[in-house]
Amino acid sequence: DVQLQASGGGMVQTGGSLKLSCSVTGATFDDFTWGWFRQSSGKEREGVSCINNSGDKIHYSDSAMGRFTISRDSNQNTLYLQMNNLEPEDTAVYFCGADENTLGCFGPGYLNLGHRVDYWGQGTLVTVSS
C-alpha cells in the first residue's frame, strides 16, 4: 500500500525558508513520477515542481523557479521541497503526490496535470506573513 506523509510546513515571514518532507512507504522512487502541488484558499490546486522516476528530469512552475528546489533521498525514501525567499503568495497547503506513469514530468506542462496523480500525501500548511 503506497502512503505519502508530508511534513515541514509552518509559519514564516516574507523572505524566510522552509523545507518540506514527504516520507514514502510502499514504493520506491523508481516506480513513480513525483511532484509537489499546492492549494491556496479559494484557488485551484497548482503544480509546484516535479521529478521523474530516475531523477534526471526536474521542472518547476514559474512562481517556484529560482526559489524552490525539489530533491529526494532514496536511502530515506523521502521527497523534499526546499523553499527559499518565501512570499505571502506562497501561502497554501502543500501536497506531495505520486503518479504511476513513470513517463511523467516531461516538461513544465506536467504540473498542470495534477489529476494524473494516483497517491497524495495529506498536505502540510505553509503560511507566509508579510
C-alpha atoms as a PDB file:
ATOM      1  CA  ASP A   1       0.000   0.000   0.000  1.00  0.00           C
ATOM      2  CA  VAL A   2       1.559   3.289  -1.095  1.00  0.00           C
ATOM      3  CA  GLN A   3       1.443   6.005   1.533  1.00  0.00           C
ATOM      4  CA  LEU A   4       2.847   9.515   1.490  1.00  0.00           C
ATOM      5  CA  GLN A   5       3.282  11.597   4.627  1.00  0.00           C
ATOM      6  CA  ALA A   6       4.030  15.278   4.157  1.00  0.00           C
ATOM      7  CA  SER A   7       5.500  17.444   6.889  1.00  0.00           C
ATOM      8  CA  GLY A   8       7.577  20.539   7.457  1.00  0.00           C
ATOM      9  CA  GLY A   9       5.022  23.280   6.988  1.00  0.00           C
ATOM     10  CA  GLY A  10       4.771  26.202   9.339  1.00  0.00           C
ATOM     11  CA  MET A  11       4.617  29.949   9.591  1.00  0.00           C
ATOM     12  CA  VAL A  12       7.452  32.151   8.382  1.00  0.00           C
ATOM     13  CA  GLN A  13       7.936  35.776   7.486  1.00  0.00           C
ATOM     14  CA  THR A  14       8.444  37.054   3.971  1.00  0.00           C
ATOM     15  CA  GLY A  15      11.890  36.097   2.782  1.00  0.00           C
ATOM     16  CA  GLY A  16      12.104  33.095   5.067  1.00  0.00           C
ATOM     17  CA  SER A  17      12.715  29.469   4.197  1.00  0.00           C
ATOM     18  CA  LEU A  18      11.089  26.131   4.851  1.00  0.00           C
ATOM     19  CA  LYS A  19      11.931  22.584   3.834  1.00  0.00           C
ATOM     20  CA  LEU A  20       9.026  20.251   3.256  1.00  0.00           C
ATOM     21  CA  SER A  21       9.423  16.499   3.509  1.00  0.00           C
ATOM     22  CA  CYS A  22       7.337  13.695   2.065  1.00  0.00           C
ATOM     23  CA  SER A  23       8.017  10.311   3.577  1.00  0.00           C
ATOM     24  CA  VAL A  24       7.134   7.457   1.240  1.00  0.00           C
ATOM     25  CA  THR A  25       6.210   3.903   2.212  1.00  0.00           C
ATOM     26  CA  GLY A  26       5.148   1.055  -0.015  1.00  0.00           C
ATOM     27  CA  ALA A  27       7.016   2.321  -3.071  1.00  0.00           C
ATOM     28  CA  THR A  28      10.416   3.344  -4.322  1.00  0.00           C
ATOM     29  CA  PHE A  29      11.269   6.404  -6.368  1.00  0.00           C
ATOM     30  CA  ASP A  30      11.866   4.249  -9.455  1.00  0.00           C
ATOM     31  CA  ASP A  31       8.203   3.289  -9.511  1.00  0.00           C
ATOM     32  CA  PHE A  32       6.574   6.712  -9.919  1.00  0.00           C
ATOM     33  CA  THR A  33       6.782  10.273 -11.080  1.00  0.00           C
ATOM     34  CA  TRP A  34       6.809  12.592  -8.048  1.00  0.00           C
ATOM     35  CA  GLY A  35       5.563  16.072  -7.506  1.00  0.00           C
ATOM     36  CA  TRP A  36       4.696  18.854  -5.121  1.00  0.00           C
ATOM     37  CA  PHE A  37       1.420  20.689  -5.514  1.00  0.00           C
ATOM     38  CA  ARG A  38      -0.267  23.402  -3.508  1.00  0.00           C
ATOM     39  CA  GLN A  39      -3.711  24.820  -2.973  1.00  0.00           C
ATOM     40  CA  SER A  40      -4.469  28.247  -1.608  1.00  0.00           C
ATOM     41  CA  SER A  41      -7.790  29.201  -0.101  1.00  0.00           C
ATOM     42  CA  GLY A  42     -10.330  29.770  -2.855  1.00  0.00           C
ATOM     43  CA  LYS A  43      -7.976  28.708  -5.614  1.00  0.00           C
ATOM     44  CA  GLU A  44      -7.476  25.569  -7.638  1.00  0.00           C
ATOM     45  CA  ARG A  45      -4.635  23.220  -6.900  1.00  0.00           C
ATOM     46  CA  GLU A  46      -1.486  24.067  -8.819  1.00  0.00           C
ATOM     47  CA  GLY A  47       1.689  22.175  -9.514  1.00  0.00           C
ATOM     48  CA  VAL A  48       4.889  23.487  -7.998  1.00  0.00           C
ATOM     49  CA  SER A  49       7.576  21.030  -9.022  1.00  0.00           C
ATOM     50  CA  CYS A  50       8.065  17.518 -10.309  1.00  0.00           C
ATOM     51  CA  ILE A  51      10.841  14.975 -10.597  1.00  0.00           C
ATOM     52  CA  ASN A  52      10.720  11.873 -12.730  1.00  0.00           C
ATOM     53  CA  ASN A  53      11.345   8.326 -11.571  1.00  0.00           C
ATOM     54  CA  SER A  54      15.025   8.302 -12.468  1.00  0.00           C
ATOM     55  CA  GLY A  55      15.595  11.731 -11.010  1.00  0.00           C
ATOM     56  CA  ASP A  56      17.073  13.242 -14.136  1.00  0.00           C
ATOM     57  CA  LYS A  57      14.095  15.381 -15.136  1.00  0.00           C
ATOM     58  CA  ILE A  58      13.006  18.205 -12.881  1.00  0.00           C
ATOM     59  CA  HIS A  59      10.617  21.030 -13.618  1.00  0.00           C
ATOM     60  CA  TYR A  60       9.251  23.994 -11.712  1.00  0.00           C
ATOM     61  CA  SER A  61       6.336  26.327 -12.048  1.00  0.00           C
ATOM     62  CA  ASP A  62       7.164  29.891 -12.980  1.00  0.00           C
ATOM     63  CA  SER A  63       6.483  31.022  -9.413  1.00  0.00           C
ATOM     64  CA  ALA A  64       8.778  28.373  -7.938  1.00  0.00           C
ATOM     65  CA  MET A  65      11.635  28.721 -10.400  1.00  0.00           C
ATOM     66  CA  GLY A  66      14.775  30.031  -8.764  1.00  0.00           C
ATOM     67  CA  ARG A  67      13.360  29.864  -5.240  1.00  0.00           C
ATOM     68  CA  PHE A  68      12.317  26.245  -4.697  1.00  0.00           C
ATOM     69  CA  THR A  69      14.343  23.062  -5.078  1.00  0.00           C
ATOM     70  CA  ILE A  70      12.924  19.560  -5.300  1.00  0.00           C
ATOM     71  CA  SER A  71      15.111  16.667  -4.247  1.00  0.00           C
ATOM     72  CA  ARG A  72      14.905  13.152  -2.943  1.00  0.00           C
ATOM     73  CA  ASP A  73      16.836  10.790  -0.734  1.00  0.00           C
ATOM     74  CA  SER A  74      16.497   7.180  -1.828  1.00  0.00           C
ATOM     75  CA  ASN A  75      18.054   5.891   1.395  1.00  0.00           C
ATOM     76  CA  GLN A  76      15.454   7.719   3.457  1.00  0.00           C
ATOM     77  CA  ASN A  77      12.729   7.209   0.825  1.00  0.00           C
ATOM     78  CA  THR A  78      11.849  10.841   1.272  1.00  0.00           C
ATOM     79  CA  LEU A  79      10.979  13.588  -1.190  1.00  0.00           C
ATOM     80  CA  TYR A  80      11.855  17.182  -0.293  1.00  0.00           C
ATOM     81  CA  LEU A  81      10.951  20.688  -1.330  1.00  0.00           C
ATOM     82  CA  GLN A  82      13.337  23.394  -0.185  1.00  0.00           C
ATOM     83  CA  MET A  83      11.587  26.744  -0.350  1.00  0.00           C
ATOM     84  CA  ASN A  84      13.591  29.944  -0.074  1.00  0.00           C
ATOM     85  CA  ASN A  85      12.691  33.621  -0.275  1.00  0.00           C
ATOM     86  CA  LEU A  86       9.085  32.833   0.550  1.00  0.00           C
ATOM     87  CA  GLU A  87       6.375  35.339  -0.278  1.00  0.00           C
ATOM     88  CA  PRO A  88       2.840  35.742   1.095  1.00  0.00           C
ATOM     89  CA  GLU A  89       1.591  34.394  -2.257  1.00  0.00           C
ATOM     90  CA  ASP A  90       3.211  31.061  -1.360  1.00  0.00           C
ATOM     91  CA  THR A  91       0.762  30.589   1.493  1.00  0.00           C
ATOM     92  CA  ALA A  92      -1.048  27.328   0.790  1.00  0.00           C
ATOM     93  CA  VAL A  93      -1.472  23.723   1.773  1.00  0.00           C
ATOM     94  CA  TYR A  94       1.293  21.783   0.081  1.00  0.00           C
ATOM     95  CA  PHE A  95       0.800  18.220  -1.074  1.00  0.00           C
ATOM     96  CA  CYS A  96       3.194  15.625  -2.349  1.00  0.00           C
ATOM     97  CA  GLY A  97       1.958  13.239  -4.986  1.00  0.00           C
ATOM     98  CA  ALA A  98       2.961  10.117  -6.857  1.00  0.00           C
ATOM     99  CA  ASP A  99       1.946   9.297 -10.432  1.00  0.00           C
ATOM    100  CA  GLU A 100       2.197   5.696 -11.581  1.00  0.00           C
ATOM    101  CA  ASN A 101       3.078   6.903 -15.066  1.00  0.00           C
ATOM    102  CA  THR A 102       6.870   6.885 -14.988  1.00  0.00           C
ATOM    103  CA  LEU A 103       6.947   8.997 -18.162  1.00  0.00           C
ATOM    104  CA  GLY A 104       5.626  11.993 -16.226  1.00  0.00           C
ATOM    105  CA  CYS A 105       7.462  15.248 -15.508  1.00  0.00           C
ATOM    106  CA  PHE A 106       8.188  15.507 -19.224  1.00  0.00           C
ATOM    107  CA  GLY A 107       8.049  19.294 -19.061  1.00  0.00           C
ATOM    108  CA  PRO A 108       6.617  22.207 -17.081  1.00  0.00           C
ATOM    109  CA  GLY A 109       3.221  21.399 -18.591  1.00  0.00           C
ATOM    110  CA  TYR A 110       3.105  18.268 -16.472  1.00  0.00           C
ATOM    111  CA  LEU A 111       2.487  20.492 -13.462  1.00  0.00           C
ATOM    112  CA  ASN A 112      -0.972  21.222 -14.881  1.00  0.00           C
ATOM    113  CA  LEU A 113      -1.823  17.519 -14.769  1.00  0.00           C
ATOM    114  CA  GLY A 114      -2.424  17.068 -11.070  1.00  0.00           C
ATOM    115  CA  HIS A 115      -5.405  14.894 -11.893  1.00  0.00           C
ATOM    116  CA  ARG A 116      -2.965  12.219 -13.010  1.00  0.00           C
ATOM    117  CA  VAL A 117      -1.586  11.820  -9.503  1.00  0.00           C
ATOM    118  CA  ASP A 118      -2.521   8.452  -8.078  1.00  0.00           C
ATOM    119  CA  TYR A 119      -1.402   8.907  -4.496  1.00  0.00           C
ATOM    120  CA  TRP A 120      -1.460  12.026  -2.343  1.00  0.00           C
ATOM    121  CA  GLY A 121       0.057  12.956   0.957  1.00  0.00           C
ATOM    122  CA  GLN A 122      -2.207  14.591   3.484  1.00  0.00           C
ATOM    123  CA  GLY A 123      -0.927  18.129   2.995  1.00  0.00           C
ATOM    124  CA  THR A 124       1.106  20.471   5.137  1.00  0.00           C
ATOM    125  CA  LEU A 125       0.215  24.128   5.664  1.00  0.00           C
ATOM    126  CA  VAL A 126       2.679  26.855   4.796  1.00  0.00           C
ATOM    127  CA  THR A 127       1.833  30.374   5.933  1.00  0.00           C
ATOM    128  CA  VAL A 128       3.988  33.310   4.922  1.00  0.00           C
ATOM    129  CA  SER A 129       3.331  36.580   6.708  1.00  0.00           C
ATOM    130  CA  SER A 130       4.187  39.970   5.308  1.00  0.00           C
END
